[in-house]
Amino acid sequence: MSRRATAARGARTIALAAASATGALLLAGCAPSTTTLNYDPSDGVGVSVLGEESRDLRGINLLVVGTAEGEPGNLLGALTNETQDDTSFTLETPDGAPVSVDVPAGATVYLGTATGETVQIDTLSAPPGSYVDATLAAAGETKEFKLPILDGTLPEYADSLPSTSPSPSPSPSE
């Protein structure tokens, strides 16, 4: 093979590599940046009461921690009110009594944290490791969603299990 043919082959290889790199850069520039997308950063779910496009009234990273179906569970996450008015969020699950949390205008109330509010679901209608149908309501709007139920297997949730009061022991009879 002549020197001229080798040089031409090398030039074609460089041109093809440059064209491929340019194409890859153009495609990468057109793709959405995943770091700008809203997502649930942990094990809970996000719920926008006014629809997915509105972030004014929403639950953030909501989940329940409990020990078994039929037992109580603690609600963890946060409720955010970015409107001009105070509002009350109400969470309902199939077998539990509705729970309400007041959230001032422009504020976020954290649930299940050391500085937040403790909110207990009185009865879990599904076992840990599953989801329960739930509704979150605020400002006259309601959104249905699947609420995950976790147990204390993961260390980060072990301290969030509902406290169980020991039942009083019977008095000895004489």
C-alpha atoms as a PDB file:
ATOM      1  CA  MET A   1       0.000   0.000   0.000  1.00  0.00           C
ATOM      2  CA  SER A   2       1.364   3.398  -0.925  1.00  0.00           C
ATOM      3  CA  ARG A   3       2.078   6.211   1.411  1.00  0.00           C
ATOM      4  CA  ARG A   4      -0.628   8.309  -0.227  1.00  0.00           C
ATOM      5  CA  ALA A   5      -3.290   5.583   0.369  1.00  0.00           C
ATOM      6  CA  THR A   6      -2.256   5.247   4.020  1.00  0.00           C
ATOM      7  CA  ALA A   7      -2.468   9.031   4.534  1.00  0.00           C
ATOM      8  CA  ALA A   8      -5.916   9.147   2.886  1.00  0.00           C
ATOM      9  CA  ARG A   9      -7.150   6.296   5.087  1.00  0.00           C
ATOM     10  CA  GLY A  10      -5.874   8.103   8.215  1.00  0.00           C
ATOM     11  CA  ALA A  11      -7.580  11.341   7.141  1.00  0.00           C
ATOM     12  CA  ARG A  12     -10.895   9.501   6.592  1.00  0.00           C
ATOM     13  CA  THR A  13     -10.608   7.875  10.024  1.00  0.00           C
ATOM     14  CA  ILE A  14     -10.001  11.252  11.691  1.00  0.00           C
ATOM     15  CA  ALA A  15     -12.897  12.845   9.757  1.00  0.00           C
ATOM     16  CA  LEU A  16     -15.244   9.993  10.741  1.00  0.00           C
ATOM     17  CA  ALA A  17     -14.218  10.252  14.409  1.00  0.00           C
ATOM     18  CA  ALA A  18     -14.754  14.042  14.352  1.00  0.00           C
ATOM     19  CA  ALA A  19     -18.181  13.645  12.728  1.00  0.00           C
ATOM     20  CA  SER A  20     -19.177  10.998  15.308  1.00  0.00           C
ATOM     21  CA  ALA A  21     -18.036  13.177  18.204  1.00  0.00           C
ATOM     22  CA  THR A  22     -19.926  16.181  16.787  1.00  0.00           C
ATOM     23  CA  GLY A  23     -23.089  14.072  16.389  1.00  0.00           C
ATOM     24  CA  ALA A  24     -22.818  12.774  19.949  1.00  0.00           C
ATOM     25  CA  LEU A  25     -22.412  16.316  21.306  1.00  0.00           C
ATOM     26  CA  LEU A  26     -25.444  17.531  19.329  1.00  0.00           C
ATOM     27  CA  LEU A  27     -27.593  14.680  20.632  1.00  0.00           C
ATOM     28  CA  ALA A  28     -26.438  15.267  24.214  1.00  0.00           C
ATOM     29  CA  GLY A  29     -27.294  18.962  23.869  1.00  0.00           C
ATOM     30  CA  CYS A  30     -30.856  18.102  22.803  1.00  0.00           C
ATOM     31  CA  ALA A  31     -31.484  15.629  25.639  1.00  0.00           C
ATOM     32  CA  PRO A  32     -33.092  16.941  28.830  1.00  0.00           C
ATOM     33  CA  SER A  33     -30.840  17.240  31.836  1.00  0.00           C
ATOM     34  CA  THR A  34     -32.095  14.752  34.404  1.00  0.00           C
ATOM     35  CA  THR A  35     -30.778  16.862  37.273  1.00  0.00           C
ATOM     36  CA  THR A  36     -33.441  19.485  36.540  1.00  0.00           C
ATOM     37  CA  LEU A  37     -36.340  17.019  36.759  1.00  0.00           C
ATOM     38  CA  ASN A  38     -38.475  16.860  39.916  1.00  0.00           C
ATOM     39  CA  TYR A  39     -38.379  13.444  41.547  1.00  0.00           C
ATOM     40  CA  ASP A  40     -38.899  11.800  44.903  1.00  0.00           C
ATOM     41  CA  PRO A  41     -35.400  11.520  46.381  1.00  0.00           C
ATOM     42  CA  SER A  42     -36.128   8.739  48.832  1.00  0.00           C
ATOM     43  CA  ASP A  43     -38.551   5.899  49.535  1.00  0.00           C
ATOM     44  CA  GLY A  44     -41.698   8.042  49.738  1.00  0.00           C
ATOM     45  CA  VAL A  45     -43.925   9.543  47.066  1.00  0.00           C
ATOM     46  CA  GLY A  46     -44.715  13.085  46.006  1.00  0.00           C
ATOM     47  CA  VAL A  47     -48.312  14.218  45.587  1.00  0.00           C
ATOM     48  CA  SER A  48     -49.421  17.502  44.058  1.00  0.00           C
ATOM     49  CA  VAL A  49     -53.005  18.175  45.153  1.00  0.00           C
ATOM     50  CA  LEU A  50     -53.636  20.689  42.352  1.00  0.00           C
ATOM     51  CA  GLY A  51     -52.173  18.504  39.584  1.00  0.00           C
ATOM     52  CA  GLU A  52     -48.671  17.516  38.551  1.00  0.00           C
ATOM     53  CA  GLU A  53     -47.883  20.911  37.013  1.00  0.00           C
ATOM     54  CA  SER A  54     -48.706  22.827  40.218  1.00  0.00           C
ATOM     55  CA  ARG A  55     -46.335  22.784  43.166  1.00  0.00           C
ATOM     56  CA  ASP A  56     -48.489  25.058  45.360  1.00  0.00           C
ATOM     57  CA  LEU A  57     -50.070  22.384  47.596  1.00  0.00           C
ATOM     58  CA  ARG A  58     -48.145  19.149  47.799  1.00  0.00           C
ATOM     59  CA  GLY A  59     -46.952  16.254  49.885  1.00  0.00           C
ATOM     60  CA  ILE A  60     -43.249  15.508  49.639  1.00  0.00           C
ATOM     61  CA  ASN A  61     -41.679  12.078  50.172  1.00  0.00           C
ATOM     62  CA  LEU A  62     -44.740  10.711  51.989  1.00  0.00           C
ATOM     63  CA  LEU A  63     -44.556   7.208  53.469  1.00  0.00           C
ATOM     64  CA  VAL A  64     -45.824   5.295  56.486  1.00  0.00           C
ATOM     65  CA  VAL A  65     -43.652   3.301  58.884  1.00  0.00           C
ATOM     66  CA  GLY A  66     -45.371   0.496  60.809  1.00  0.00           C
ATOM     67  CA  THR A  67     -44.902  -3.018  62.117  1.00  0.00           C
ATOM     68  CA  ALA A  68     -47.853  -4.960  60.661  1.00  0.00           C
ATOM     69  CA  GLU A  69     -51.209  -4.789  58.926  1.00  0.00           C
ATOM     70  CA  GLY A  70     -53.917  -3.746  61.372  1.00  0.00           C
ATOM     71  CA  GLU A  71     -51.412  -1.907  63.559  1.00  0.00           C
ATOM     72  CA  PRO A  72     -50.787   1.867  63.692  1.00  0.00           C
ATOM     73  CA  GLY A  73     -48.194   3.585  61.515  1.00  0.00           C
ATOM     74  CA  ASN A  74     -46.326   6.895  61.577  1.00  0.00           C
ATOM     75  CA  LEU A  75     -46.575   9.211  58.591  1.00  0.00           C
ATOM     76  CA  LEU A  76     -43.231  10.639  57.434  1.00  0.00           C
ATOM     77  CA  GLY A  77     -42.492  13.306  54.826  1.00  0.00           C
ATOM     78  CA  ALA A  78     -43.536  16.938  54.466  1.00  0.00           C
ATOM     79  CA  LEU A  79     -46.540  19.031  53.442  1.00  0.00           C
ATOM     80  CA  THR A  80     -45.909  22.266  51.551  1.00  0.00           C
ATOM     81  CA  ASN A  81     -48.249  25.216  51.072  1.00  0.00           C
ATOM     82  CA  GLU A  82     -46.856  27.766  48.614  1.00  0.00           C
ATOM     83  CA  THR A  83     -50.135  29.691  48.392  1.00  0.00           C
ATOM     84  CA  GLN A  84     -51.076  32.999  50.055  1.00  0.00           C
ATOM     85  CA  ASP A  85     -53.585  31.335  52.403  1.00  0.00           C
ATOM     86  CA  ASP A  86     -53.250  29.008  55.369  1.00  0.00           C
ATOM     87  CA  THR A  87     -54.633  25.561  54.554  1.00  0.00           C
ATOM     88  CA  SER A  88     -55.353  22.239  56.156  1.00  0.00           C
ATOM     89  CA  PHE A  89     -54.209  19.005  54.509  1.00  0.00           C
ATOM     90  CA  THR A  90     -56.262  15.855  55.158  1.00  0.00           C
ATOM     91  CA  LEU A  91     -54.875  12.391  54.497  1.00  0.00           C
ATOM     92  CA  GLU A  92     -57.242   9.432  54.287  1.00  0.00           C
ATOM     93  CA  THR A  93     -56.493   5.714  54.011  1.00  0.00           C
ATOM     94  CA  PRO A  94     -59.077   2.902  53.675  1.00  0.00           C
ATOM     95  CA  ASP A  95     -59.147   1.614  57.265  1.00  0.00           C
ATOM     96  CA  GLY A  96     -57.725   4.585  59.136  1.00  0.00           C
ATOM     97  CA  ALA A  97     -59.405   7.686  60.458  1.00  0.00           C
ATOM     98  CA  PRO A  98     -58.609  10.837  58.445  1.00  0.00           C
ATOM     99  CA  VAL A  99     -55.665  12.861  59.770  1.00  0.00           C
ATOM    100  CA  SER A 100     -55.361  16.615  59.292  1.00  0.00           C
ATOM    101  CA  VAL A 101     -52.340  18.898  59.437  1.00  0.00           C
ATOM    102  CA  ASP A 102     -52.540  22.708  59.297  1.00  0.00           C
ATOM    103  CA  VAL A 103     -49.894  24.336  57.100  1.00  0.00           C
ATOM    104  CA  PRO A 104     -49.470  28.137  57.156  1.00  0.00           C
ATOM    105  CA  ALA A 105     -49.203  30.100  53.906  1.00  0.00           C
ATOM    106  CA  GLY A 106     -45.754  29.855  52.337  1.00  0.00           C
ATOM    107  CA  ALA A 107     -44.617  27.163  54.794  1.00  0.00           C
ATOM    108  CA  THR A 108     -43.591  23.525  54.917  1.00  0.00           C
ATOM    109  CA  VAL A 109     -44.514  21.256  57.823  1.00  0.00           C
ATOM    110  CA  TYR A 110     -42.247  18.254  58.326  1.00  0.00           C
ATOM    111  CA  LEU A 111     -43.771  15.006  59.554  1.00  0.00           C
ATOM    112  CA  GLY A 112     -42.069  12.444  61.747  1.00  0.00           C
ATOM    113  CA  THR A 113     -38.860  14.388  62.342  1.00  0.00           C
ATOM    114  CA  ALA A 114     -37.395  15.553  65.638  1.00  0.00           C
ATOM    115  CA  THR A 115     -38.531  19.114  64.914  1.00  0.00           C
ATOM    116  CA  GLY A 116     -41.663  18.210  62.963  1.00  0.00           C
ATOM    117  CA  GLU A 117     -45.124  16.971  63.817  1.00  0.00           C
ATOM    118  CA  THR A 118     -45.959  13.396  64.725  1.00  0.00           C
ATOM    119  CA  VAL A 119     -48.867  12.132  62.656  1.00  0.00           C
ATOM    120  CA  GLN A 120     -50.135   8.622  63.300  1.00  0.00           C
ATOM    121  CA  ILE A 121     -52.336   6.519  61.034  1.00  0.00           C
ATOM    122  CA  ASP A 122     -54.457   4.509  63.461  1.00  0.00           C
ATOM    123  CA  THR A 123     -54.755   1.320  61.356  1.00  0.00           C
ATOM    124  CA  LEU A 124     -52.663   0.132  58.417  1.00  0.00           C
ATOM    125  CA  SER A 125     -54.804  -1.652  55.834  1.00  0.00           C
ATOM    126  CA  ALA A 126     -51.817  -3.393  54.223  1.00  0.00           C
ATOM    127  CA  PRO A 127     -48.577  -4.958  55.474  1.00  0.00           C
ATOM    128  CA  PRO A 128     -45.179  -3.253  55.356  1.00  0.00           C
ATOM    129  CA  GLY A 129     -43.557  -3.629  51.957  1.00  0.00           C
ATOM    130  CA  SER A 130     -46.745  -2.777  50.097  1.00  0.00           C
ATOM    131  CA  TYR A 131     -48.793   0.273  49.198  1.00  0.00           C
ATOM    132  CA  VAL A 132     -52.140   1.497  50.440  1.00  0.00           C
ATOM    133  CA  ASP A 133     -54.608   3.607  48.464  1.00  0.00           C
ATOM    134  CA  ALA A 134     -54.705   7.093  49.961  1.00  0.00           C
ATOM    135  CA  THR A 135     -56.095  10.543  49.245  1.00  0.00           C
ATOM    136  CA  LEU A 136     -54.573  13.888  50.101  1.00  0.00           C
ATOM    137  CA  ALA A 137     -56.969  16.838  50.190  1.00  0.00           C
ATOM    138  CA  ALA A 138     -56.372  20.579  50.575  1.00  0.00           C
ATOM    139  CA  ALA A 139     -58.165  23.760  49.494  1.00  0.00           C
ATOM    140  CA  GLY A 140     -61.178  21.819  48.235  1.00  0.00           C
ATOM    141  CA  GLU A 141     -59.117  19.590  45.918  1.00  0.00           C
ATOM    142  CA  THR A 142     -58.323  15.891  46.358  1.00  0.00           C
ATOM    143  CA  LYS A 143     -55.605  13.711  44.845  1.00  0.00           C
ATOM    144  CA  GLU A 144     -55.513   9.894  45.012  1.00  0.00           C
ATOM    145  CA  PHE A 145     -52.154   8.128  45.231  1.00  0.00           C
ATOM    146  CA  LYS A 146     -50.392   4.979  46.445  1.00  0.00           C
ATOM    147  CA  LEU A 147     -48.792   5.467  49.875  1.00  0.00           C
ATOM    148  CA  PRO A 148     -45.833   3.140  50.588  1.00  0.00           C
ATOM    149  CA  ILE A 149     -45.655   1.292  53.905  1.00  0.00           C
ATOM    150  CA  LEU A 150     -42.234   0.435  55.314  1.00  0.00           C
ATOM    151  CA  ASP A 151     -41.113  -1.277  58.486  1.00  0.00           C
ATOM    152  CA  GLY A 152     -38.091  -0.758  60.720  1.00  0.00           C
ATOM    153  CA  THR A 153     -35.803  -3.073  58.746  1.00  0.00           C
ATOM    154  CA  LEU A 154     -33.862  -0.140  57.311  1.00  0.00           C
ATOM    155  CA  PRO A 155     -31.926   1.635  60.081  1.00  0.00           C
ATOM    156  CA  GLU A 156     -33.134   5.086  58.963  1.00  0.00           C
ATOM    157  CA  TYR A 157     -36.734   4.071  59.771  1.00  0.00           C
ATOM    158  CA  ALA A 158     -36.181   1.989  62.922  1.00  0.00           C
ATOM    159  CA  ASP A 159     -36.602   5.019  65.213  1.00  0.00           C
ATOM    160  CA  SER A 160     -39.763   6.086  63.348  1.00  0.00           C
ATOM    161  CA  LEU A 161     -41.840   3.027  64.233  1.00  0.00           C
ATOM    162  CA  PRO A 162     -44.905   3.819  66.348  1.00  0.00           C
ATOM    163  CA  SER A 163     -44.123   3.477  70.016  1.00  0.00           C
ATOM    164  CA  THR A 164     -45.931   0.679  71.696  1.00  0.00           C
ATOM    165  CA  SER A 165     -46.920   1.209  75.260  1.00  0.00           C
ATOM    166  CA  PRO A 166     -46.425  -1.888  77.330  1.00  0.00           C
ATOM    167  CA  SER A 167     -49.716  -3.183  78.553  1.00  0.00           C
ATOM    168  CA  PRO A 168     -50.068  -3.022  82.322  1.00  0.00           C
ATOM    169  CA  SER A 169     -49.285  -6.268  83.994  1.00  0.00           C
ATOM    170  CA  PRO A 170     -52.045  -7.745  86.076  1.00  0.00           C
ATOM    171  CA  SER A 171     -51.844  -7.173  89.786  1.00  0.00           C
ATOM    172  CA  PRO A 172     -51.010 -10.254  91.760  1.00  0.00           C
ATOM    173  CA  SER A 173     -54.043 -11.445  93.619  1.00  0.00           C
ATOM    174  CA  GLU A 174     -53.620 -12.403  97.219  1.00  0.00           C
END
